[in-house]
Amino acid sequence: MPARSTPPERDSDGDDRDWTRARRETAPLLGLGTTLAVTVLAGLGGGYWLDGRLGTRPAFLLLGGVLGVGAALYQFFKAVAGLNKPKADPKR
């Protein structure tokens, strides 16, 4: 059986605040991969559906894929640009 590791001892120099701040800053990026995948798949799915309805294979599938990738890139850059904005520090 492997030995249990003990959590590091906490210093009083603000380590807890550093971890809290790091988690708060990375939270918007945690779901970004899923959001990008769903956006691209939604564009492809919509194009596939339109191709089936109109009998125009693969025109709308390709168009939906391009639109899905474009929307995903827009969301990605919007999320990344939001990380660089200065945030007001809450009073402690």
PDB file of N, CA and C in Angstrom:
ATOM      1  N   MET A   1       0.845  -1.166   0.000  1.00  0.00           N
ATOM      2  CA  MET A   1       0.000   0.000   0.000  1.00  0.00           C
ATOM      3  C   MET A   1       0.894   1.234   0.000  1.00  0.00           C
ATOM      4  N   PRO A   2       0.585   2.219  -0.891  1.00  0.00           N
ATOM      5  CA  PRO A   2       1.422   3.415  -0.956  1.00  0.00           C
ATOM      6  C   PRO A   2       1.254   4.277   0.283  1.00  0.00           C
ATOM      7  N   ALA A   3       2.300   4.981   0.596  1.00  0.00           N
ATOM      8  CA  ALA A   3       2.268   5.865   1.756  1.00  0.00           C
ATOM      9  C   ALA A   3       1.384   7.068   1.467  1.00  0.00           C
ATOM     10  N   ARG A   4       0.667   7.510   2.458  1.00  0.00           N
ATOM     11  CA  ARG A   4      -0.177   8.690   2.301  1.00  0.00           C
ATOM     12  C   ARG A   4       0.666   9.945   2.373  1.00  0.00           C
ATOM     13  N   SER A   5       0.359  10.846   1.485  1.00  0.00           N
ATOM     14  CA  SER A   5       1.062  12.125   1.557  1.00  0.00           C
ATOM     15  C   SER A   5       0.227  13.070   2.399  1.00  0.00           C
ATOM     16  N   THR A   6       0.901  13.884   3.123  1.00  0.00           N
ATOM     17  CA  THR A   6       0.202  14.849   3.964  1.00  0.00           C
ATOM     18  C   THR A   6       0.174  16.179   3.238  1.00  0.00           C
ATOM     19  N   PRO A   7      -0.896  16.926   3.411  1.00  0.00           N
ATOM     20  CA  PRO A   7      -0.948  18.232   2.754  1.00  0.00           C
ATOM     21  C   PRO A   7       0.134  19.142   3.306  1.00  0.00           C
ATOM     22  N   PRO A   8       0.643  20.031   2.485  1.00  0.00           N
ATOM     23  CA  PRO A   8       1.699  20.929   2.976  1.00  0.00           C
ATOM     24  C   PRO A   8       1.155  21.846   4.052  1.00  0.00           C
ATOM     25  N   GLU A   9       2.029  22.165   4.977  1.00  0.00           N
ATOM     26  CA  GLU A   9       1.624  23.080   6.045  1.00  0.00           C
ATOM     27  C   GLU A   9       1.433  24.464   5.457  1.00  0.00           C
ATOM     28  N   ARG A  10       0.467  25.156   5.991  1.00  0.00           N
ATOM     29  CA  ARG A  10       0.144  26.471   5.439  1.00  0.00           C
ATOM     30  C   ARG A  10       0.882  27.546   6.215  1.00  0.00           C
ATOM     31  N   ASP A  11       1.468  28.419   5.437  1.00  0.00           N
ATOM     32  CA  ASP A  11       2.151  29.551   6.044  1.00  0.00           C
ATOM     33  C   ASP A  11       1.166  30.685   6.239  1.00  0.00           C
ATOM     34  N   SER A  12       1.532  31.607   7.048  1.00  0.00           N
ATOM     35  CA  SER A  12       0.654  32.751   7.277  1.00  0.00           C
ATOM     36  C   SER A  12       0.979  33.893   6.320  1.00  0.00           C
ATOM     37  N   ASP A  13       1.740  33.607   5.235  1.00  0.00           N
ATOM     38  CA  ASP A  13       2.121  34.678   4.325  1.00  0.00           C
ATOM     39  C   ASP A  13       1.182  34.828   3.136  1.00  0.00           C
ATOM     40  N   GLY A  14       0.010  34.219   3.175  1.00  0.00           N
ATOM     41  CA  GLY A  14      -0.976  34.438   2.134  1.00  0.00           C
ATOM     42  C   GLY A  14      -1.054  33.344   1.092  1.00  0.00           C
ATOM     43  N   ASP A  15      -0.539  32.152   1.369  1.00  0.00           N
ATOM     44  CA  ASP A  15      -0.622  31.058   0.403  1.00  0.00           C
ATOM     45  C   ASP A  15      -2.068  30.717   0.062  1.00  0.00           C
ATOM     46  N   ASP A  16      -2.943  30.766   1.060  1.00  0.00           N
ATOM     47  CA  ASP A  16      -4.353  30.472   0.808  1.00  0.00           C
ATOM     48  C   ASP A  16      -4.950  31.467  -0.176  1.00  0.00           C
ATOM     49  N   ARG A  17      -4.599  32.717  -0.017  1.00  0.00           N
ATOM     50  CA  ARG A  17      -5.121  33.741  -0.922  1.00  0.00           C
ATOM     51  C   ARG A  17      -4.571  33.561  -2.335  1.00  0.00           C
ATOM     52  N   ASP A  18      -3.303  33.128  -2.442  1.00  0.00           N
ATOM     53  CA  ASP A  18      -2.723  32.894  -3.764  1.00  0.00           C
ATOM     54  C   ASP A  18      -3.457  31.766  -4.481  1.00  0.00           C
ATOM     55  N   TRP A  19      -3.755  30.676  -3.778  1.00  0.00           N
ATOM     56  CA  TRP A  19      -4.474  29.553  -4.401  1.00  0.00           C
ATOM     57  C   TRP A  19      -5.890  29.953  -4.776  1.00  0.00           C
ATOM     58  N   THR A  20      -6.539  30.703  -3.928  1.00  0.00           N
ATOM     59  CA  THR A  20      -7.902  31.153  -4.217  1.00  0.00           C
ATOM     60  C   THR A  20      -7.908  32.051  -5.450  1.00  0.00           C
ATOM     61  N   ARG A  21      -6.957  32.955  -5.518  1.00  0.00           N
ATOM     62  CA  ARG A  21      -6.869  33.849  -6.667  1.00  0.00           C
ATOM     63  C   ARG A  21      -6.571  33.072  -7.950  1.00  0.00           C
ATOM     64  N   ALA A  22      -5.674  32.092  -7.865  1.00  0.00           N
ATOM     65  CA  ALA A  22      -5.335  31.283  -9.045  1.00  0.00           C
ATOM     66  C   ALA A  22      -6.547  30.504  -9.536  1.00  0.00           C
ATOM     67  N   ARG A  23      -7.296  29.922  -8.617  1.00  0.00           N
ATOM     68  CA  ARG A  23      -8.504  29.190  -9.015  1.00  0.00           C
ATOM     69  C   ARG A  23      -9.538  30.116  -9.619  1.00  0.00           C
ATOM     70  N   ARG A  24      -9.677  31.292  -9.071  1.00  0.00           N
ATOM     71  CA  ARG A  24     -10.653  32.256  -9.586  1.00  0.00           C
ATOM     72  C   ARG A  24     -10.263  32.716 -10.993  1.00  0.00           C
ATOM     73  N   GLU A  25      -8.972  32.872 -11.248  1.00  0.00           N
ATOM     74  CA  GLU A  25      -8.525  33.326 -12.564  1.00  0.00           C
ATOM     75  C   GLU A  25      -8.626  32.231 -13.623  1.00  0.00           C
ATOM     76  N   THR A  26      -8.475  30.969 -13.236  1.00  0.00           N
ATOM     77  CA  THR A  26      -8.533  29.884 -14.221  1.00  0.00           C
ATOM     78  C   THR A  26      -9.937  29.330 -14.414  1.00  0.00           C
ATOM     79  N   ALA A  27     -10.870  29.671 -13.565  1.00  0.00           N
ATOM     80  CA  ALA A  27     -12.227  29.128 -13.658  1.00  0.00           C
ATOM     81  C   ALA A  27     -12.885  29.355 -15.021  1.00  0.00           C
ATOM     82  N   PRO A  28     -12.760  30.536 -15.625  1.00  0.00           N
ATOM     83  CA  PRO A  28     -13.413  30.716 -16.934  1.00  0.00           C
ATOM     84  C   PRO A  28     -12.851  29.804 -18.021  1.00  0.00           C
ATOM     85  N   LEU A  29     -11.629  29.335 -17.869  1.00  0.00           N
ATOM     86  CA  LEU A  29     -11.008  28.503 -18.898  1.00  0.00           C
ATOM     87  C   LEU A  29     -11.304  27.019 -18.726  1.00  0.00           C
ATOM     88  N   LEU A  30     -11.814  26.624 -17.571  1.00  0.00           N
ATOM     89  CA  LEU A  30     -12.027  25.202 -17.320  1.00  0.00           C
ATOM     90  C   LEU A  30     -13.067  24.594 -18.256  1.00  0.00           C
ATOM     91  N   GLY A  31     -14.094  25.307 -18.604  1.00  0.00           N
ATOM     92  CA  GLY A  31     -15.120  24.786 -19.485  1.00  0.00           C
ATOM     93  C   GLY A  31     -14.947  25.199 -20.935  1.00  0.00           C
ATOM     94  N   LEU A  32     -13.828  25.844 -21.237  1.00  0.00           N
ATOM     95  CA  LEU A  32     -13.632  26.374 -22.579  1.00  0.00           C
ATOM     96  C   LEU A  32     -13.526  25.279 -23.632  1.00  0.00           C
ATOM     97  N   GLY A  33     -12.858  24.187 -23.338  1.00  0.00           N
ATOM     98  CA  GLY A  33     -12.728  23.094 -24.307  1.00  0.00           C
ATOM     99  C   GLY A  33     -14.069  22.499 -24.680  1.00  0.00           C
ATOM    100  N   THR A  34     -14.899  22.285 -23.682  1.00  0.00           N
ATOM    101  CA  THR A  34     -16.232  21.742 -23.937  1.00  0.00           C
ATOM    102  C   THR A  34     -17.061  22.731 -24.757  1.00  0.00           C
ATOM    103  N   THR A  35     -16.978  23.997 -24.414  1.00  0.00           N
ATOM    104  CA  THR A  35     -17.723  25.016 -25.151  1.00  0.00           C
ATOM    105  C   THR A  35     -17.299  25.055 -26.618  1.00  0.00           C
ATOM    106  N   LEU A  36     -16.006  24.971 -26.871  1.00  0.00           N
ATOM    107  CA  LEU A  36     -15.513  25.004 -28.247  1.00  0.00           C
ATOM    108  C   LEU A  36     -15.988  23.779 -29.022  1.00  0.00           C
ATOM    109  N   ALA A  37     -15.908  22.607 -28.405  1.00  0.00           N
ATOM    110  CA  ALA A  37     -16.328  21.383 -29.083  1.00  0.00           C
ATOM    111  C   ALA A  37     -17.821  21.408 -29.394  1.00  0.00           C
ATOM    112  N   VAL A  38     -18.618  21.844 -28.446  1.00  0.00           N
ATOM    113  CA  VAL A  38     -20.073  21.886 -28.657  1.00  0.00           C
ATOM    114  C   VAL A  38     -20.426  22.884 -29.760  1.00  0.00           C
ATOM    115  N   THR A  39     -19.729  24.003 -29.808  1.00  0.00           N
ATOM    116  CA  THR A  39     -19.996  25.010 -30.829  1.00  0.00           C
ATOM    117  C   THR A  39     -19.708  24.466 -32.227  1.00  0.00           C
ATOM    118  N   VAL A  40     -18.569  23.811 -32.398  1.00  0.00           N
ATOM    119  CA  VAL A  40     -18.219  23.247 -33.704  1.00  0.00           C
ATOM    120  C   VAL A  40     -19.193  22.133 -34.078  1.00  0.00           C
ATOM    121  N   LEU A  41     -19.506  21.262 -33.125  1.00  0.00           N
ATOM    122  CA  LEU A  41     -20.432  20.162 -33.409  1.00  0.00           C
ATOM    123  C   LEU A  41     -21.837  20.670 -33.726  1.00  0.00           C
ATOM    124  N   ALA A  42     -22.253  21.754 -33.079  1.00  0.00           N
ATOM    125  CA  ALA A  42     -23.565  22.325 -33.379  1.00  0.00           C
ATOM    126  C   ALA A  42     -23.601  22.856 -34.814  1.00  0.00           C
ATOM    127  N   GLY A  43     -22.530  23.510 -35.260  1.00  0.00           N
ATOM    128  CA  GLY A  43     -22.464  23.979 -36.642  1.00  0.00           C
ATOM    129  C   GLY A  43     -22.489  22.825 -37.633  1.00  0.00           C
ATOM    130  N   LEU A  44     -21.725  21.769 -37.339  1.00  0.00           N
ATOM    131  CA  LEU A  44     -21.715  20.598 -38.215  1.00  0.00           C
ATOM    132  C   LEU A  44     -23.075  19.902 -38.226  1.00  0.00           C
ATOM    133  N   GLY A  45     -23.682  19.780 -37.058  1.00  0.00           N
ATOM    134  CA  GLY A  45     -24.997  19.137 -36.964  1.00  0.00           C
ATOM    135  C   GLY A  45     -26.067  19.912 -37.710  1.00  0.00           C
ATOM    136  N   GLY A  46     -26.043  21.237 -37.574  1.00  0.00           N
ATOM    137  CA  GLY A  46     -27.002  22.059 -38.304  1.00  0.00           C
ATOM    138  C   GLY A  46     -26.811  21.954 -39.810  1.00  0.00           C
ATOM    139  N   GLY A  47     -25.569  21.926 -40.254  1.00  0.00           N
ATOM    140  CA  GLY A  47     -25.291  21.773 -41.678  1.00  0.00           C
ATOM    141  C   GLY A  47     -25.704  20.414 -42.198  1.00  0.00           C
ATOM    142  N   TYR A  48     -25.456  19.388 -41.400  1.00  0.00           N
ATOM    143  CA  TYR A  48     -25.870  18.028 -41.792  1.00  0.00           C
ATOM    144  C   TYR A  48     -27.387  17.935 -41.907  1.00  0.00           C
ATOM    145  N   TRP A  49     -28.086  18.541 -40.963  1.00  0.00           N
ATOM    146  CA  TRP A  49     -29.542  18.525 -40.976  1.00  0.00           C
ATOM    147  C   TRP A  49     -30.080  19.254 -42.214  1.00  0.00           C
ATOM    148  N   LEU A  50     -29.498  20.444 -42.495  1.00  0.00           N
ATOM    149  CA  LEU A  50     -29.943  21.197 -43.675  1.00  0.00           C
ATOM    150  C   LEU A  50     -29.651  20.431 -44.966  1.00  0.00           C
ATOM    151  N   ASP A  51     -28.509  19.771 -45.033  1.00  0.00           N
ATOM    152  CA  ASP A  51     -28.199  18.973 -46.222  1.00  0.00           C
ATOM    153  C   ASP A  51     -29.209  17.848 -46.405  1.00  0.00           C
ATOM    154  N   GLY A  52     -29.606  17.210 -45.327  1.00  0.00           N
ATOM    155  CA  GLY A  52     -30.613  16.155 -45.411  1.00  0.00           C
ATOM    156  C   GLY A  52     -31.963  16.688 -45.846  1.00  0.00           C
ATOM    157  N   ARG A  53     -32.319  17.876 -45.369  1.00  0.00           N
ATOM    158  CA  ARG A  53     -33.607  18.492 -45.717  1.00  0.00           C
ATOM    159  C   ARG A  53     -33.656  18.955 -47.167  1.00  0.00           C
ATOM    160  N   LEU A  54     -32.545  19.532 -47.622  1.00  0.00           N
ATOM    161  CA  LEU A  54     -32.530  20.150 -48.948  1.00  0.00           C
ATOM    162  C   LEU A  54     -31.856  19.286 -50.013  1.00  0.00           C
ATOM    163  N   GLY A  55     -31.215  18.203 -49.605  1.00  0.00           N
ATOM    164  CA  GLY A  55     -30.550  17.316 -50.548  1.00  0.00           C
ATOM    165  C   GLY A  55     -29.341  17.951 -51.218  1.00  0.00           C
ATOM    166  N   THR A  56     -28.599  18.735 -50.481  1.00  0.00           N
ATOM    167  CA  THR A  56     -27.457  19.459 -51.049  1.00  0.00           C
ATOM    168  C   THR A  56     -26.134  19.004 -50.441  1.00  0.00           C
ATOM    169  N   ARG A  57     -25.965  17.733 -50.243  1.00  0.00           N
ATOM    170  CA  ARG A  57     -24.742  17.256 -49.590  1.00  0.00           C
ATOM    171  C   ARG A  57     -23.514  17.653 -50.373  1.00  0.00           C
ATOM    172  N   PRO A  58     -22.443  18.004 -49.826  1.00  0.00           N
ATOM    173  CA  PRO A  58     -22.057  18.388 -48.478  1.00  0.00           C
ATOM    174  C   PRO A  58     -21.988  19.894 -48.280  1.00  0.00           C
ATOM    175  N   ALA A  59     -22.713  20.661 -49.066  1.00  0.00           N
ATOM    176  CA  ALA A  59     -22.584  22.126 -49.045  1.00  0.00           C
ATOM    177  C   ALA A  59     -22.832  22.717 -47.658  1.00  0.00           C
ATOM    178  N   PHE A  60     -23.976  22.417 -47.047  1.00  0.00           N
ATOM    179  CA  PHE A  60     -24.292  23.022 -45.752  1.00  0.00           C
ATOM    180  C   PHE A  60     -23.495  22.396 -44.615  1.00  0.00           C
ATOM    181  N   LEU A  61     -23.062  21.158 -44.775  1.00  0.00           N
ATOM    182  CA  LEU A  61     -22.188  20.544 -43.770  1.00  0.00           C
ATOM    183  C   LEU A  61     -20.882  21.319 -43.694  1.00  0.00           C
ATOM    184  N   LEU A  62     -20.293  21.621 -44.837  1.00  0.00           N
ATOM    185  CA  LEU A  62     -19.052  22.396 -44.860  1.00  0.00           C
ATOM    186  C   LEU A  62     -19.269  23.819 -44.358  1.00  0.00           C
ATOM    187  N   LEU A  63     -20.358  24.438 -44.783  1.00  0.00           N
ATOM    188  CA  LEU A  63     -20.663  25.791 -44.325  1.00  0.00           C
ATOM    189  C   LEU A  63     -20.900  25.818 -42.811  1.00  0.00           C
ATOM    190  N   GLY A  64     -21.635  24.827 -42.306  1.00  0.00           N
ATOM    191  CA  GLY A  64     -21.868  24.745 -40.862  1.00  0.00           C
ATOM    192  C   GLY A  64     -20.581  24.519 -40.094  1.00  0.00           C
ATOM    193  N   GLY A  65     -19.687  23.708 -40.644  1.00  0.00           N
ATOM    194  CA  GLY A  65     -18.392  23.492 -39.995  1.00  0.00           C
ATOM    195  C   GLY A  65     -17.566  24.755 -39.932  1.00  0.00           C
ATOM    196  N   VAL A  66     -17.550  25.500 -41.036  1.00  0.00           N
ATOM    197  CA  VAL A  66     -16.794  26.760 -41.063  1.00  0.00           C
ATOM    198  C   VAL A  66     -17.401  27.766 -40.084  1.00  0.00           C
ATOM    199  N   LEU A  67     -18.720  27.879 -40.087  1.00  0.00           N
ATOM    200  CA  LEU A  67     -19.381  28.800 -39.145  1.00  0.00           C
ATOM    201  C   LEU A  67     -19.158  28.368 -37.688  1.00  0.00           C
ATOM    202  N   GLY A  68     -19.181  27.046 -37.441  1.00  0.00           N
ATOM    203  CA  GLY A  68     -18.938  26.542 -36.092  1.00  0.00           C
ATOM    204  C   GLY A  68     -17.532  26.839 -35.614  1.00  0.00           C
ATOM    205  N   VAL A  69     -16.555  26.648 -36.486  1.00  0.00           N
ATOM    206  CA  VAL A  69     -15.170  26.950 -36.119  1.00  0.00           C
ATOM    207  C   VAL A  69     -15.006  28.457 -35.905  1.00  0.00           C
ATOM    208  N   GLY A  70     -15.631  29.257 -36.758  1.00  0.00           N
ATOM    209  CA  GLY A  70     -15.564  30.709 -36.583  1.00  0.00           C
ATOM    210  C   GLY A  70     -16.172  31.161 -35.263  1.00  0.00           C
ATOM    211  N   ALA A  71     -17.325  30.601 -34.920  1.00  0.00           N
ATOM    212  CA  ALA A  71     -17.967  30.949 -33.644  1.00  0.00           C
ATOM    213  C   ALA A  71     -17.127  30.472 -32.467  1.00  0.00           C
ATOM    214  N   ALA A  72     -16.500  29.305 -32.591  1.00  0.00           N
ATOM    215  CA  ALA A  72     -15.651  28.782 -31.516  1.00  0.00           C
ATOM    216  C   ALA A  72     -14.425  29.672 -31.321  1.00  0.00           C
ATOM    217  N   LEU A  73     -13.820  30.112 -32.423  1.00  0.00           N
ATOM    218  CA  LEU A  73     -12.664  31.007 -32.302  1.00  0.00           C
ATOM    219  C   LEU A  73     -13.065  32.346 -31.678  1.00  0.00           C
ATOM    220  N   TYR A  74     -14.238  32.843 -32.047  1.00  0.00           N
ATOM    221  CA  TYR A  74     -14.730  34.086 -31.444  1.00  0.00           C
ATOM    222  C   TYR A  74     -14.883  33.924 -29.930  1.00  0.00           C
ATOM    223  N   GLN A  75     -15.482  32.824 -29.499  1.00  0.00           N
ATOM    224  CA  GLN A  75     -15.651  32.580 -28.066  1.00  0.00           C
ATOM    225  C   GLN A  75     -14.308  32.422 -27.372  1.00  0.00           C
ATOM    226  N   PHE A  76     -13.374  31.737 -28.030  1.00  0.00           N
ATOM    227  CA  PHE A  76     -12.053  31.534 -27.443  1.00  0.00           C
ATOM    228  C   PHE A  76     -11.352  32.869 -27.223  1.00  0.00           C
ATOM    229  N   PHE A  77     -11.308  33.713 -28.262  1.00  0.00           N
ATOM    230  CA  PHE A  77     -10.618  34.987 -28.131  1.00  0.00           C
ATOM    231  C   PHE A  77     -11.328  35.920 -27.162  1.00  0.00           C
ATOM    232  N   LYS A  78     -12.622  35.838 -27.092  1.00  0.00           N
ATOM    233  CA  LYS A  78     -13.380  36.639 -26.133  1.00  0.00           C
ATOM    234  C   LYS A  78     -13.032  36.230 -24.698  1.00  0.00           C
ATOM    235  N   ALA A  79     -12.919  34.912 -24.463  1.00  0.00           N
ATOM    236  CA  ALA A  79     -12.566  34.426 -23.124  1.00  0.00           C
ATOM    237  C   ALA A  79     -11.133  34.786 -22.760  1.00  0.00           C
ATOM    238  N   VAL A  80     -10.221  34.666 -23.699  1.00  0.00           N
ATOM    239  CA  VAL A  80      -8.819  34.974 -23.425  1.00  0.00           C
ATOM    240  C   VAL A  80      -8.628  36.472 -23.228  1.00  0.00           C
ATOM    241  N   ALA A  81      -9.318  37.295 -23.995  1.00  0.00           N
ATOM    242  CA  ALA A  81      -9.207  38.746 -23.841  1.00  0.00           C
ATOM    243  C   ALA A  81      -9.753  39.184 -22.481  1.00  0.00           C
ATOM    244  N   GLY A  82     -10.738  38.464 -21.968  1.00  0.00           N
ATOM    245  CA  GLY A  82     -11.295  38.811 -20.663  1.00  0.00           C
ATOM    246  C   GLY A  82     -10.333  38.560 -19.521  1.00  0.00           C
ATOM    247  N   LEU A  83      -9.329  37.726 -19.744  1.00  0.00           N
ATOM    248  CA  LEU A  83      -8.344  37.461 -18.690  1.00  0.00           C
ATOM    249  C   LEU A  83      -7.390  38.628 -18.502  1.00  0.00           C
ATOM    250  N   ASN A  84      -7.184  39.421 -19.524  1.00  0.00           N
ATOM    251  CA  ASN A  84      -6.227  40.519 -19.450  1.00  0.00           C
ATOM    252  C   ASN A  84      -6.819  41.800 -18.902  1.00  0.00           C
ATOM    253  N   LYS A  85      -8.124  41.832 -18.705  1.00  0.00           N
ATOM    254  CA  LYS A  85      -8.748  43.037 -18.169  1.00  0.00           C
ATOM    255  C   LYS A  85      -8.440  43.144 -16.684  1.00  0.00           C
ATOM    256  N   PRO A  86      -8.055  44.324 -16.237  1.00  0.00           N
ATOM    257  CA  PRO A  86      -7.811  44.489 -14.803  1.00  0.00           C
ATOM    258  C   PRO A  86      -9.115  44.420 -14.025  1.00  0.00           C
ATOM    259  N   LYS A  87      -9.048  43.746 -12.908  1.00  0.00           N
ATOM    260  CA  LYS A  87     -10.217  43.626 -12.054  1.00  0.00           C
ATOM    261  C   LYS A  87      -9.983  44.404 -10.771  1.00  0.00           C
ATOM    262  N   ALA A  88     -11.034  44.986 -10.282  1.00  0.00           N
ATOM    263  CA  ALA A  88     -10.918  45.741  -9.033  1.00  0.00           C
ATOM    264  C   ALA A  88     -10.737  44.765  -7.874  1.00  0.00           C
ATOM    265  N   ASP A  89      -9.772  45.079  -7.018  1.00  0.00           N
ATOM    266  CA  ASP A  89      -9.543  44.233  -5.851  1.00  0.00           C
ATOM    267  C   ASP A  89     -10.613  44.507  -4.814  1.00  0.00           C
ATOM    268  N   PRO A  90     -11.247  43.458  -4.301  1.00  0.00           N
ATOM    269  CA  PRO A  90     -12.245  43.669  -3.238  1.00  0.00           C
ATOM    270  C   PRO A  90     -11.538  44.101  -1.960  1.00  0.00           C
ATOM    271  N   LYS A  91     -12.188  44.961  -1.234  1.00  0.00           N
ATOM    272  CA  LYS A  91     -11.607  45.417   0.042  1.00  0.00           C
ATOM    273  C   LYS A  91     -11.682  44.285   1.052  1.00  0.00           C
ATOM    274  N   ARG A  92     -10.597  44.130   1.771  1.00  0.00           N
ATOM    275  CA  ARG A  92     -10.528  43.021   2.735  1.00  0.00           C
ATOM    276  C   ARG A  92     -10.846  43.470   4.112  1.00  0.00           C
TER     277      ARG A  92
END
